[in-house]
């Protein structure tokens, strides 16, 4: 994606679509999405990191108290860095989408 505005909008939409994030992204989130664009982080890496980060929150031992909602795109920065250094195998993004869809069915709606 070569258009910064489209890239930023896509990142923020992916973020807002997650079950445990705010409906609207804030100014710091917009700035960070622009930073991802400037750092040439592919959109599929960002999406995979958002899905993986959310899934890691869902897959917790039973009986633990619930985690507080995610309030910043910065929460996912370590996962983005991890996947940027070690990309996922082909097809894994589809698996993550399906897995989060199934896991989020028990999550309260926004």
PDB file of N, CA and C in Angstrom:
ATOM      1  N   UNK A   1       0.856  -1.163   0.000  1.00  0.00           N
ATOM      2  CA  UNK A   1       0.000   0.000   0.000  1.00  0.00           C
ATOM      3  C   UNK A   1       0.911   1.238   0.000  1.00  0.00           C
ATOM      4  N   UNK A   2       0.688   2.107  -0.949  1.00  0.00           N
ATOM      5  CA  UNK A   2       1.553   3.277  -1.086  1.00  0.00           C
ATOM      6  C   UNK A   2       0.909   4.569  -0.615  1.00  0.00           C
ATOM      7  N   UNK A   3      -0.380   4.546  -0.353  1.00  0.00           N
ATOM      8  CA  UNK A   3      -1.083   5.741   0.107  1.00  0.00           C
ATOM      9  C   UNK A   3      -1.106   5.759   1.634  1.00  0.00           C
ATOM     10  N   UNK A   4      -0.412   6.724   2.261  1.00  0.00           N
ATOM     11  CA  UNK A   4      -0.356   6.721   3.730  1.00  0.00           C
ATOM     12  C   UNK A   4      -1.733   6.824   4.381  1.00  0.00           C
ATOM     13  N   UNK A   5      -2.619   7.637   3.820  1.00  0.00           N
ATOM     14  CA  UNK A   5      -3.952   7.796   4.427  1.00  0.00           C
ATOM     15  C   UNK A   5      -4.729   6.477   4.390  1.00  0.00           C
ATOM     16  N   UNK A   6      -4.644   5.748   3.278  1.00  0.00           N
ATOM     17  CA  UNK A   6      -5.351   4.471   3.171  1.00  0.00           C
ATOM     18  C   UNK A   6      -4.751   3.435   4.119  1.00  0.00           C
ATOM     19  N   UNK A   7      -3.439   3.424   4.229  1.00  0.00           N
ATOM     20  CA  UNK A   7      -2.760   2.497   5.131  1.00  0.00           C
ATOM     21  C   UNK A   7      -3.171   2.776   6.572  1.00  0.00           C
ATOM     22  N   UNK A   8      -3.104   4.033   6.978  1.00  0.00           N
ATOM     23  CA  UNK A   8      -3.455   4.417   8.350  1.00  0.00           C
ATOM     24  C   UNK A   8      -4.907   4.065   8.639  1.00  0.00           C
ATOM     25  N   UNK A   9      -5.794   4.368   7.696  1.00  0.00           N
ATOM     26  CA  UNK A   9      -7.214   4.044   7.884  1.00  0.00           C
ATOM     27  C   UNK A   9      -7.411   2.538   8.028  1.00  0.00           C
ATOM     28  N   UNK A  10      -6.689   1.762   7.235  1.00  0.00           N
ATOM     29  CA  UNK A  10      -6.811   0.305   7.310  1.00  0.00           C
ATOM     30  C   UNK A  10      -6.323  -0.215   8.666  1.00  0.00           C
ATOM     31  N   UNK A  11      -5.196   0.282   9.128  1.00  0.00           N
ATOM     32  CA  UNK A  11      -4.658  -0.142  10.429  1.00  0.00           C
ATOM     33  C   UNK A  11      -5.649   0.208  11.543  1.00  0.00           C
ATOM     34  N   UNK A  12      -6.161   1.418  11.523  1.00  0.00           N
ATOM     35  CA  UNK A  12      -7.074   1.849  12.582  1.00  0.00           C
ATOM     36  C   UNK A  12      -8.389   1.076  12.538  1.00  0.00           C
ATOM     37  N   UNK A  13      -8.839   0.711  11.336  1.00  0.00           N
ATOM     38  CA  UNK A  13     -10.066  -0.089  11.228  1.00  0.00           C
ATOM     39  C   UNK A  13      -9.836  -1.502  11.766  1.00  0.00           C
ATOM     40  N   UNK A  14      -8.702  -2.096  11.411  1.00  0.00           N
ATOM     41  CA  UNK A  14      -8.374  -3.422  11.948  1.00  0.00           C
ATOM     42  C   UNK A  14      -8.331  -3.389  13.473  1.00  0.00           C
ATOM     43  N   UNK A  15      -7.733  -2.337  14.005  1.00  0.00           N
ATOM     44  CA  UNK A  15      -7.623  -2.172  15.459  1.00  0.00           C
ATOM     45  C   UNK A  15      -9.008  -2.020  16.093  1.00  0.00           C
ATOM     46  N   UNK A  16      -9.831  -1.159  15.527  1.00  0.00           N
ATOM     47  CA  UNK A  16     -11.164  -0.906  16.090  1.00  0.00           C
ATOM     48  C   UNK A  16     -12.082  -2.113  15.963  1.00  0.00           C
ATOM     49  N   UNK A  17     -11.842  -2.974  14.987  1.00  0.00           N
ATOM     50  CA  UNK A  17     -12.676  -4.157  14.783  1.00  0.00           C
ATOM     51  C   UNK A  17     -12.403  -5.275  15.785  1.00  0.00           C
ATOM     52  N   UNK A  18     -11.311  -5.177  16.516  1.00  0.00           N
ATOM     53  CA  UNK A  18     -11.008  -6.211  17.507  1.00  0.00           C
ATOM     54  C   UNK A  18     -12.021  -6.150  18.647  1.00  0.00           C
ATOM     55  N   UNK A  19     -12.313  -7.286  19.256  1.00  0.00           N
ATOM     56  CA  UNK A  19     -13.350  -7.307  20.292  1.00  0.00           C
ATOM     57  C   UNK A  19     -12.976  -6.613  21.607  1.00  0.00           C
ATOM     58  N   UNK A  20     -11.699  -6.399  21.854  1.00  0.00           N
ATOM     59  CA  UNK A  20     -11.295  -5.860  23.156  1.00  0.00           C
ATOM     60  C   UNK A  20     -10.572  -4.523  23.044  1.00  0.00           C
ATOM     61  N   UNK A  21     -10.929  -3.755  21.999  1.00  0.00           N
ATOM     62  CA  UNK A  21     -10.326  -2.437  21.786  1.00  0.00           C
ATOM     63  C   UNK A  21     -11.424  -1.380  21.699  1.00  0.00           C
ATOM     64  N   UNK A  22     -11.061  -0.102  21.808  1.00  0.00           N
ATOM     65  CA  UNK A  22     -12.069   0.953  21.685  1.00  0.00           C
ATOM     66  C   UNK A  22     -12.673   0.979  20.282  1.00  0.00           C
ATOM     67  N   UNK A  23     -13.867   1.525  20.187  1.00  0.00           N
ATOM     68  CA  UNK A  23     -14.537   1.640  18.894  1.00  0.00           C
ATOM     69  C   UNK A  23     -13.795   2.622  17.994  1.00  0.00           C
ATOM     70  N   UNK A  24     -13.244   3.660  18.578  1.00  0.00           N
ATOM     71  CA  UNK A  24     -12.526   4.682  17.820  1.00  0.00           C
ATOM     72  C   UNK A  24     -11.090   4.785  18.322  1.00  0.00           C
ATOM     73  N   UNK A  25     -10.175   4.929  17.382  1.00  0.00           N
ATOM     74  CA  UNK A  25      -8.766   5.094  17.731  1.00  0.00           C
ATOM     75  C   UNK A  25      -8.490   6.553  18.067  1.00  0.00           C
ATOM     76  N   UNK A  26      -7.572   6.767  18.971  1.00  0.00           N
ATOM     77  CA  UNK A  26      -7.210   8.119  19.373  1.00  0.00           C
ATOM     78  C   UNK A  26      -6.064   8.675  18.537  1.00  0.00           C
ATOM     79  N   UNK A  27      -5.718   9.904  18.814  1.00  0.00           N
ATOM     80  CA  UNK A  27      -4.631  10.567  18.100  1.00  0.00           C
ATOM     81  C   UNK A  27      -3.304   9.819  18.232  1.00  0.00           C
ATOM     82  N   UNK A  28      -2.931   9.336  19.428  1.00  0.00           N
ATOM     83  CA  UNK A  28      -1.676   8.568  19.513  1.00  0.00           C
ATOM     84  C   UNK A  28      -1.701   7.306  18.645  1.00  0.00           C
ATOM     85  N   UNK A  29      -2.878   6.693  18.507  1.00  0.00           N
ATOM     86  CA  UNK A  29      -3.003   5.510  17.661  1.00  0.00           C
ATOM     87  C   UNK A  29      -2.807   5.881  16.194  1.00  0.00           C
ATOM     88  N   UNK A  30      -3.343   7.016  15.807  1.00  0.00           N
ATOM     89  CA  UNK A  30      -3.158   7.492  14.423  1.00  0.00           C
ATOM     90  C   UNK A  30      -1.678   7.763  14.156  1.00  0.00           C
ATOM     91  N   UNK A  31      -1.028   8.385  15.109  1.00  0.00           N
ATOM     92  CA  UNK A  31       0.406   8.671  14.966  1.00  0.00           C
ATOM     93  C   UNK A  31       1.196   7.373  14.826  1.00  0.00           C
ATOM     94  N   UNK A  32       0.865   6.383  15.653  1.00  0.00           N
ATOM     95  CA  UNK A  32       1.588   5.110  15.604  1.00  0.00           C
ATOM     96  C   UNK A  32       1.334   4.376  14.290  1.00  0.00           C
ATOM     97  N   UNK A  33       0.099   4.426  13.796  1.00  0.00           N
ATOM     98  CA  UNK A  33      -0.199   3.809  12.505  1.00  0.00           C
ATOM     99  C   UNK A  33       0.630   4.473  11.404  1.00  0.00           C
ATOM    100  N   UNK A  34       0.790   5.785  11.477  1.00  0.00           N
ATOM    101  CA  UNK A  34       1.635   6.492  10.511  1.00  0.00           C
ATOM    102  C   UNK A  34       3.093   6.037  10.645  1.00  0.00           C
ATOM    103  N   UNK A  35       3.517   5.813  11.855  1.00  0.00           N
ATOM    104  CA  UNK A  35       4.887   5.326  12.100  1.00  0.00           C
ATOM    105  C   UNK A  35       5.097   3.950  11.471  1.00  0.00           C
ATOM    106  N   UNK A  36       4.072   3.076  11.575  1.00  0.00           N
ATOM    107  CA  UNK A  36       4.158   1.764  10.939  1.00  0.00           C
ATOM    108  C   UNK A  36       4.334   1.932   9.430  1.00  0.00           C
ATOM    109  N   UNK A  37       3.588   2.873   8.845  1.00  0.00           N
ATOM    110  CA  UNK A  37       3.711   3.137   7.406  1.00  0.00           C
ATOM    111  C   UNK A  37       5.121   3.621   7.075  1.00  0.00           C
ATOM    112  N   UNK A  38       5.594   4.583   7.855  1.00  0.00           N
ATOM    113  CA  UNK A  38       6.935   5.133   7.622  1.00  0.00           C
ATOM    114  C   UNK A  38       8.025   4.077   7.786  1.00  0.00           C
ATOM    115  N   UNK A  39       7.788   3.119   8.678  1.00  0.00           N
ATOM    116  CA  UNK A  39       8.755   2.042   8.915  1.00  0.00           C
ATOM    117  C   UNK A  39       8.607   0.888   7.921  1.00  0.00           C
ATOM    118  N   UNK A  40       7.686   1.064   6.955  1.00  0.00           N
ATOM    119  CA  UNK A  40       7.463   0.077   5.888  1.00  0.00           C
ATOM    120  C   UNK A  40       7.016  -1.287   6.419  1.00  0.00           C
ATOM    121  N   UNK A  41       6.207  -1.271   7.451  1.00  0.00           N
ATOM    122  CA  UNK A  41       5.674  -2.520   7.997  1.00  0.00           C
ATOM    123  C   UNK A  41       4.461  -2.905   7.160  1.00  0.00           C
ATOM    124  N   UNK A  42       4.510  -4.050   6.504  1.00  0.00           N
ATOM    125  CA  UNK A  42       3.390  -4.459   5.650  1.00  0.00           C
ATOM    126  C   UNK A  42       2.085  -4.585   6.444  1.00  0.00           C
ATOM    127  N   UNK A  43       0.995  -4.244   5.792  1.00  0.00           N
ATOM    128  CA  UNK A  43      -0.311  -4.278   6.449  1.00  0.00           C
ATOM    129  C   UNK A  43      -0.655  -5.686   6.939  1.00  0.00           C
ATOM    130  N   UNK A  44      -0.247  -6.708   6.188  1.00  0.00           N
ATOM    131  CA  UNK A  44      -0.560  -8.068   6.637  1.00  0.00           C
ATOM    132  C   UNK A  44       0.187  -8.424   7.928  1.00  0.00           C
ATOM    133  N   UNK A  45       1.360  -7.849   8.143  1.00  0.00           N
ATOM    134  CA  UNK A  45       2.096  -8.070   9.406  1.00  0.00           C
ATOM    135  C   UNK A  45       1.351  -7.383  10.549  1.00  0.00           C
ATOM    136  N   UNK A  46       0.874  -6.167  10.308  1.00  0.00           N
ATOM    137  CA  UNK A  46       0.122  -5.449  11.343  1.00  0.00           C
ATOM    138  C   UNK A  46      -1.145  -6.221  11.684  1.00  0.00           C
ATOM    139  N   UNK A  47      -1.873  -6.660  10.656  1.00  0.00           N
ATOM    140  CA  UNK A  47      -3.107  -7.409  10.916  1.00  0.00           C
ATOM    141  C   UNK A  47      -2.824  -8.687  11.696  1.00  0.00           C
ATOM    142  N   UNK A  48      -1.809  -9.421  11.290  1.00  0.00           N
ATOM    143  CA  UNK A  48      -1.466 -10.662  11.998  1.00  0.00           C
ATOM    144  C   UNK A  48      -1.107 -10.378  13.451  1.00  0.00           C
ATOM    145  N   UNK A  49      -0.381  -9.302  13.696  1.00  0.00           N
ATOM    146  CA  UNK A  49       0.006  -8.953  15.069  1.00  0.00           C
ATOM    147  C   UNK A  49      -1.210  -8.587  15.905  1.00  0.00           C
ATOM    148  N   UNK A  50      -2.150  -7.856  15.314  1.00  0.00           N
ATOM    149  CA  UNK A  50      -3.364  -7.494  16.059  1.00  0.00           C
ATOM    150  C   UNK A  50      -4.170  -8.741  16.406  1.00  0.00           C
ATOM    151  N   UNK A  51      -4.308  -9.633  15.441  1.00  0.00           N
ATOM    152  CA  UNK A  51      -5.054 -10.866  15.695  1.00  0.00           C
ATOM    153  C   UNK A  51      -4.338 -11.738  16.720  1.00  0.00           C
ATOM    154  N   UNK A  52      -3.041 -11.913  16.544  1.00  0.00           N
ATOM    155  CA  UNK A  52      -2.270 -12.754  17.459  1.00  0.00           C
ATOM    156  C   UNK A  52      -2.260 -12.175  18.871  1.00  0.00           C
ATOM    157  N   UNK A  53      -2.075 -10.875  18.981  1.00  0.00           N
ATOM    158  CA  UNK A  53      -2.091 -10.231  20.295  1.00  0.00           C
ATOM    159  C   UNK A  53      -3.430 -10.406  21.003  1.00  0.00           C
ATOM    160  N   UNK A  54      -4.515 -10.267  20.256  1.00  0.00           N
ATOM    161  CA  UNK A  54      -5.838 -10.469  20.842  1.00  0.00           C
ATOM    162  C   UNK A  54      -6.053 -11.918  21.235  1.00  0.00           C
ATOM    163  N   UNK A  55      -5.639 -12.831  20.374  1.00  0.00           N
ATOM    164  CA  UNK A  55      -5.805 -14.254  20.689  1.00  0.00           C
ATOM    165  C   UNK A  55      -5.026 -14.649  21.929  1.00  0.00           C
ATOM    166  N   UNK A  56      -3.855 -14.109  22.090  1.00  0.00           N
ATOM    167  CA  UNK A  56      -3.058 -14.428  23.279  1.00  0.00           C
ATOM    168  C   UNK A  56      -3.784 -14.007  24.550  1.00  0.00           C
ATOM    169  N   UNK A  57      -4.586 -12.969  24.459  1.00  0.00           N
ATOM    170  CA  UNK A  57      -5.365 -12.529  25.622  1.00  0.00           C
ATOM    171  C   UNK A  57      -6.509 -13.497  25.908  1.00  0.00           C
ATOM    172  N   UNK A  58      -7.078 -14.073  24.847  1.00  0.00           N
ATOM    173  CA  UNK A  58      -8.208 -14.989  25.015  1.00  0.00           C
ATOM    174  C   UNK A  58      -7.766 -16.342  25.541  1.00  0.00           C
ATOM    175  N   UNK A  59      -6.591 -16.782  25.151  1.00  0.00           N
ATOM    176  CA  UNK A  59      -6.113 -18.118  25.512  1.00  0.00           C
ATOM    177  C   UNK A  59      -5.360 -18.010  26.837  1.00  0.00           C
ATOM    178  N   UNK A  60      -6.139 -18.037  27.893  1.00  0.00           N
ATOM    179  CA  UNK A  60      -5.578 -17.940  29.245  1.00  0.00           C
ATOM    180  C   UNK A  60      -6.157 -19.058  30.082  1.00  0.00           C
ATOM    181  N   UNK A  61      -5.435 -19.471  31.082  1.00  0.00           N
ATOM    182  CA  UNK A  61      -5.976 -20.530  31.941  1.00  0.00           C
ATOM    183  C   UNK A  61      -7.315 -20.115  32.555  1.00  0.00           C
ATOM    184  N   UNK A  62      -8.240 -21.050  32.657  1.00  0.00           N
ATOM    185  CA  UNK A  62      -9.532 -20.740  33.273  1.00  0.00           C
ATOM    186  C   UNK A  62      -9.356 -20.309  34.729  1.00  0.00           C
ATOM    187  N   UNK A  63     -10.245 -19.471  35.172  1.00  0.00           N
ATOM    188  CA  UNK A  63     -10.224 -19.027  36.562  1.00  0.00           C
ATOM    189  C   UNK A  63      -9.451 -17.750  36.799  1.00  0.00           C
ATOM    190  N   UNK A  64      -8.667 -17.306  35.832  1.00  0.00           N
ATOM    191  CA  UNK A  64      -7.947 -16.038  35.994  1.00  0.00           C
ATOM    192  C   UNK A  64      -8.916 -14.881  35.802  1.00  0.00           C
ATOM    193  N   UNK A  65      -8.695 -13.786  36.500  1.00  0.00           N
ATOM    194  CA  UNK A  65      -9.593 -12.644  36.310  1.00  0.00           C
ATOM    195  C   UNK A  65      -9.445 -12.089  34.889  1.00  0.00           C
ATOM    196  N   UNK A  66     -10.499 -11.486  34.367  1.00  0.00           N
ATOM    197  CA  UNK A  66     -10.414 -10.938  33.014  1.00  0.00           C
ATOM    198  C   UNK A  66      -9.407  -9.798  32.934  1.00  0.00           C
ATOM    199  N   UNK A  67      -8.789  -9.686  31.791  1.00  0.00           N
ATOM    200  CA  UNK A  67      -7.856  -8.588  31.558  1.00  0.00           C
ATOM    201  C   UNK A  67      -8.628  -7.312  31.226  1.00  0.00           C
ATOM    202  N   UNK A  68      -8.077  -6.171  31.555  1.00  0.00           N
ATOM    203  CA  UNK A  68      -8.759  -4.921  31.195  1.00  0.00           C
ATOM    204  C   UNK A  68      -8.727  -4.749  29.673  1.00  0.00           C
ATOM    205  N   UNK A  69      -9.649  -3.968  29.129  1.00  0.00           N
ATOM    206  CA  UNK A  69      -9.651  -3.741  27.678  1.00  0.00           C
ATOM    207  C   UNK A  69      -8.354  -3.090  27.208  1.00  0.00           C
ATOM    208  N   UNK A  70      -8.027  -3.321  25.968  1.00  0.00           N
ATOM    209  CA  UNK A  70      -6.865  -2.678  25.341  1.00  0.00           C
ATOM    210  C   UNK A  70      -7.269  -1.249  25.014  1.00  0.00           C
ATOM    211  N   UNK A  71      -6.430  -0.301  25.348  1.00  0.00           N
ATOM    212  CA  UNK A  71      -6.759   1.106  25.133  1.00  0.00           C
ATOM    213  C   UNK A  71      -5.835   1.816  24.162  1.00  0.00           C
ATOM    214  N   UNK A  72      -4.858   1.086  23.612  1.00  0.00           N
ATOM    215  CA  UNK A  72      -3.906   1.745  22.727  1.00  0.00           C
ATOM    216  C   UNK A  72      -3.346   0.758  21.710  1.00  0.00           C
ATOM    217  N   UNK A  73      -3.162   1.233  20.506  1.00  0.00           N
ATOM    218  CA  UNK A  73      -2.520   0.447  19.466  1.00  0.00           C
ATOM    219  C   UNK A  73      -1.102   0.066  19.889  1.00  0.00           C
ATOM    220  N   UNK A  74      -0.511   0.854  20.753  1.00  0.00           N
ATOM    221  CA  UNK A  74       0.848   0.583  21.229  1.00  0.00           C
ATOM    222  C   UNK A  74       0.943  -0.773  21.942  1.00  0.00           C
ATOM    223  N   UNK A  75      -0.160  -1.272  22.455  1.00  0.00           N
ATOM    224  CA  UNK A  75      -0.179  -2.580  23.097  1.00  0.00           C
ATOM    225  C   UNK A  75       0.374  -3.651  22.151  1.00  0.00           C
ATOM    226  N   UNK A  76       0.128  -3.478  20.854  1.00  0.00           N
ATOM    227  CA  UNK A  76       0.492  -4.490  19.872  1.00  0.00           C
ATOM    228  C   UNK A  76       1.889  -4.291  19.285  1.00  0.00           C
ATOM    229  N   UNK A  77       2.559  -3.212  19.653  1.00  0.00           N
ATOM    230  CA  UNK A  77       3.873  -2.926  19.066  1.00  0.00           C
ATOM    231  C   UNK A  77       4.876  -4.069  19.249  1.00  0.00           C
ATOM    232  N   UNK A  78       4.978  -4.682  20.421  1.00  0.00           N
ATOM    233  CA  UNK A  78       5.934  -5.801  20.555  1.00  0.00           C
ATOM    234  C   UNK A  78       5.600  -6.981  19.637  1.00  0.00           C
ATOM    235  N   UNK A  79       4.317  -7.242  19.433  1.00  0.00           N
ATOM    236  CA  UNK A  79       3.933  -8.350  18.554  1.00  0.00           C
ATOM    237  C   UNK A  79       4.251  -7.992  17.097  1.00  0.00           C
ATOM    238  N   UNK A  80       4.019  -6.733  16.722  1.00  0.00           N
ATOM    239  CA  UNK A  80       4.365  -6.281  15.375  1.00  0.00           C
ATOM    240  C   UNK A  80       5.863  -6.431  15.152  1.00  0.00           C
ATOM    241  N   UNK A  81       6.650  -6.006  16.117  1.00  0.00           N
ATOM    242  CA  UNK A  81       8.109  -6.154  16.004  1.00  0.00           C
ATOM    243  C   UNK A  81       8.510  -7.626  15.875  1.00  0.00           C
ATOM    244  N   UNK A  82       7.868  -8.474  16.668  1.00  0.00           N
ATOM    245  CA  UNK A  82       8.143  -9.921  16.638  1.00  0.00           C
ATOM    246  C   UNK A  82       7.847 -10.502  15.251  1.00  0.00           C
ATOM    247  N   UNK A  83       6.680 -10.153  14.696  1.00  0.00           N
ATOM    248  CA  UNK A  83       6.292 -10.714  13.403  1.00  0.00           C
ATOM    249  C   UNK A  83       7.045 -10.066  12.245  1.00  0.00           C
ATOM    250  N   UNK A  84       7.469  -8.834  12.435  1.00  0.00           N
ATOM    251  CA  UNK A  84       8.267  -8.183  11.392  1.00  0.00           C
ATOM    252  C   UNK A  84       9.632  -8.880  11.281  1.00  0.00           C
ATOM    253  N   UNK A  85      10.158  -9.283  12.402  1.00  0.00           N
ATOM    254  CA  UNK A  85      11.448  -9.991  12.410  1.00  0.00           C
ATOM    255  C   UNK A  85      11.300 -11.451  11.990  1.00  0.00           C
ATOM    256  N   UNK A  86      10.171 -12.062  12.337  1.00  0.00           N
ATOM    257  CA  UNK A  86       9.937 -13.485  12.046  1.00  0.00           C
ATOM    258  C   UNK A  86       8.520 -13.648  11.504  1.00  0.00           C
ATOM    259  N   UNK A  87       8.321 -13.396  10.205  1.00  0.00           N
ATOM    260  CA  UNK A  87       6.978 -13.476   9.616  1.00  0.00           C
ATOM    261  C   UNK A  87       6.349 -14.859   9.774  1.00  0.00           C
ATOM    262  N   UNK A  88       5.030 -14.853   9.797  1.00  0.00           N
ATOM    263  CA  UNK A  88       4.279 -16.094   9.901  1.00  0.00           C
ATOM    264  C   UNK A  88       4.294 -16.834   8.563  1.00  0.00           C
ATOM    265  N   UNK A  89       4.075 -18.148   8.597  1.00  0.00           N
ATOM    266  CA  UNK A  89       4.012 -18.900   7.339  1.00  0.00           C
ATOM    267  C   UNK A  89       2.787 -18.489   6.511  1.00  0.00           C
ATOM    268  N   UNK A  90       2.842 -18.747   5.214  1.00  0.00           N
ATOM    269  CA  UNK A  90       1.711 -18.461   4.342  1.00  0.00           C
ATOM    270  C   UNK A  90       0.463 -19.176   4.847  1.00  0.00           C
ATOM    271  N   UNK A  91      -0.655 -18.492   4.757  1.00  0.00           N
ATOM    272  CA  UNK A  91      -1.921 -19.076   5.177  1.00  0.00           C
ATOM    273  C   UNK A  91      -2.231 -18.905   6.647  1.00  0.00           C
ATOM    274  N   UNK A  92      -1.277 -18.517   7.443  1.00  0.00           N
ATOM    275  CA  UNK A  92      -1.494 -18.414   8.893  1.00  0.00           C
ATOM    276  C   UNK A  92      -2.407 -17.246   9.258  1.00  0.00           C
ATOM    277  N   UNK A  93      -2.398 -16.211   8.446  1.00  0.00           N
ATOM    278  CA  UNK A  93      -3.262 -15.064   8.710  1.00  0.00           C
ATOM    279  C   UNK A  93      -4.731 -15.485   8.643  1.00  0.00           C
ATOM    280  N   UNK A  94      -5.089 -16.317   7.668  1.00  0.00           N
ATOM    281  CA  UNK A  94      -6.461 -16.819   7.585  1.00  0.00           C
ATOM    282  C   UNK A  94      -6.824 -17.640   8.818  1.00  0.00           C
ATOM    283  N   UNK A  95      -5.877 -18.440   9.288  1.00  0.00           N
ATOM    284  CA  UNK A  95      -6.090 -19.230  10.496  1.00  0.00           C
ATOM    285  C   UNK A  95      -6.347 -18.320  11.693  1.00  0.00           C
ATOM    286  N   UNK A  96      -5.562 -17.254  11.831  1.00  0.00           N
ATOM    287  CA  UNK A  96      -5.739 -16.327  12.949  1.00  0.00           C
ATOM    288  C   UNK A  96      -7.098 -15.635  12.882  1.00  0.00           C
ATOM    289  N   UNK A  97      -7.517 -15.250  11.684  1.00  0.00           N
ATOM    290  CA  UNK A  97      -8.832 -14.608  11.531  1.00  0.00           C
ATOM    291  C   UNK A  97      -9.937 -15.535  12.021  1.00  0.00           C
ATOM    292  N   UNK A  98      -9.898 -16.781  11.596  1.00  0.00           N
ATOM    293  CA  UNK A  98     -10.907 -17.757  11.990  1.00  0.00           C
ATOM    294  C   UNK A  98     -10.856 -18.019  13.489  1.00  0.00           C
ATOM    295  N   UNK A  99      -9.668 -18.177  14.003  1.00  0.00           N
ATOM    296  CA  UNK A  99      -9.502 -18.462  15.436  1.00  0.00           C
ATOM    297  C   UNK A  99     -10.050 -17.321  16.291  1.00  0.00           C
ATOM    298  N   UNK A 100      -9.760 -16.071  15.906  1.00  0.00           N
ATOM    299  CA  UNK A 100     -10.267 -14.932  16.679  1.00  0.00           C
ATOM    300  C   UNK A 100     -11.777 -14.820  16.542  1.00  0.00           C
ATOM    301  N   UNK A 101     -12.286 -15.093  15.361  1.00  0.00           N
ATOM    302  CA  UNK A 101     -13.739 -15.048  15.167  1.00  0.00           C
ATOM    303  C   UNK A 101     -14.424 -16.017  16.119  1.00  0.00           C
ATOM    304  N   UNK A 102     -13.888 -17.221  16.217  1.00  0.00           N
ATOM    305  CA  UNK A 102     -14.472 -18.219  17.117  1.00  0.00           C
ATOM    306  C   UNK A 102     -14.292 -17.824  18.586  1.00  0.00           C
ATOM    307  N   UNK A 103     -13.114 -17.354  18.939  1.00  0.00           N
ATOM    308  CA  UNK A 103     -12.839 -16.994  20.339  1.00  0.00           C
ATOM    309  C   UNK A 103     -13.660 -15.799  20.777  1.00  0.00           C
ATOM    310  N   UNK A 104     -13.915 -14.876  19.874  1.00  0.00           N
ATOM    311  CA  UNK A 104     -14.601 -13.634  20.263  1.00  0.00           C
ATOM    312  C   UNK A 104     -16.114 -13.807  20.361  1.00  0.00           C
ATOM    313  N   UNK A 105     -16.640 -14.946  19.970  1.00  0.00           N
ATOM    314  CA  UNK A 105     -18.084 -15.176  20.069  1.00  0.00           C
ATOM    315  C   UNK A 105     -18.542 -15.130  21.521  1.00  0.00           C
ATOM    316  N   UNK A 106     -17.654 -15.458  22.433  1.00  0.00           N
ATOM    317  CA  UNK A 106     -18.021 -15.418  23.856  1.00  0.00           C
ATOM    318  C   UNK A 106     -17.685 -14.077  24.494  1.00  0.00           C
ATOM    319  N   UNK A 107     -17.089 -13.186  23.729  1.00  0.00           N
ATOM    320  CA  UNK A 107     -16.704 -11.872  24.246  1.00  0.00           C
ATOM    321  C   UNK A 107     -17.895 -10.929  24.123  1.00  0.00           C
ATOM    322  N   UNK A 108     -18.164 -10.085  25.134  1.00  0.00           N
ATOM    323  CA  UNK A 108     -19.302  -9.166  25.036  1.00  0.00           C
ATOM    324  C   UNK A 108     -19.139  -8.192  23.867  1.00  0.00           C
ATOM    325  N   UNK A 109     -20.240  -7.882  23.215  1.00  0.00           N
ATOM    326  CA  UNK A 109     -20.213  -6.949  22.089  1.00  0.00           C
ATOM    327  C   UNK A 109     -19.861  -5.556  22.557  1.00  0.00           C
ATOM    328  N   UNK A 110     -19.249  -4.790  21.664  1.00  0.00           N
ATOM    329  CA  UNK A 110     -18.862  -3.403  21.992  1.00  0.00           C
ATOM    330  C   UNK A 110     -20.086  -2.527  22.108  1.00  0.00           C
TER     331      UNK A 110
END
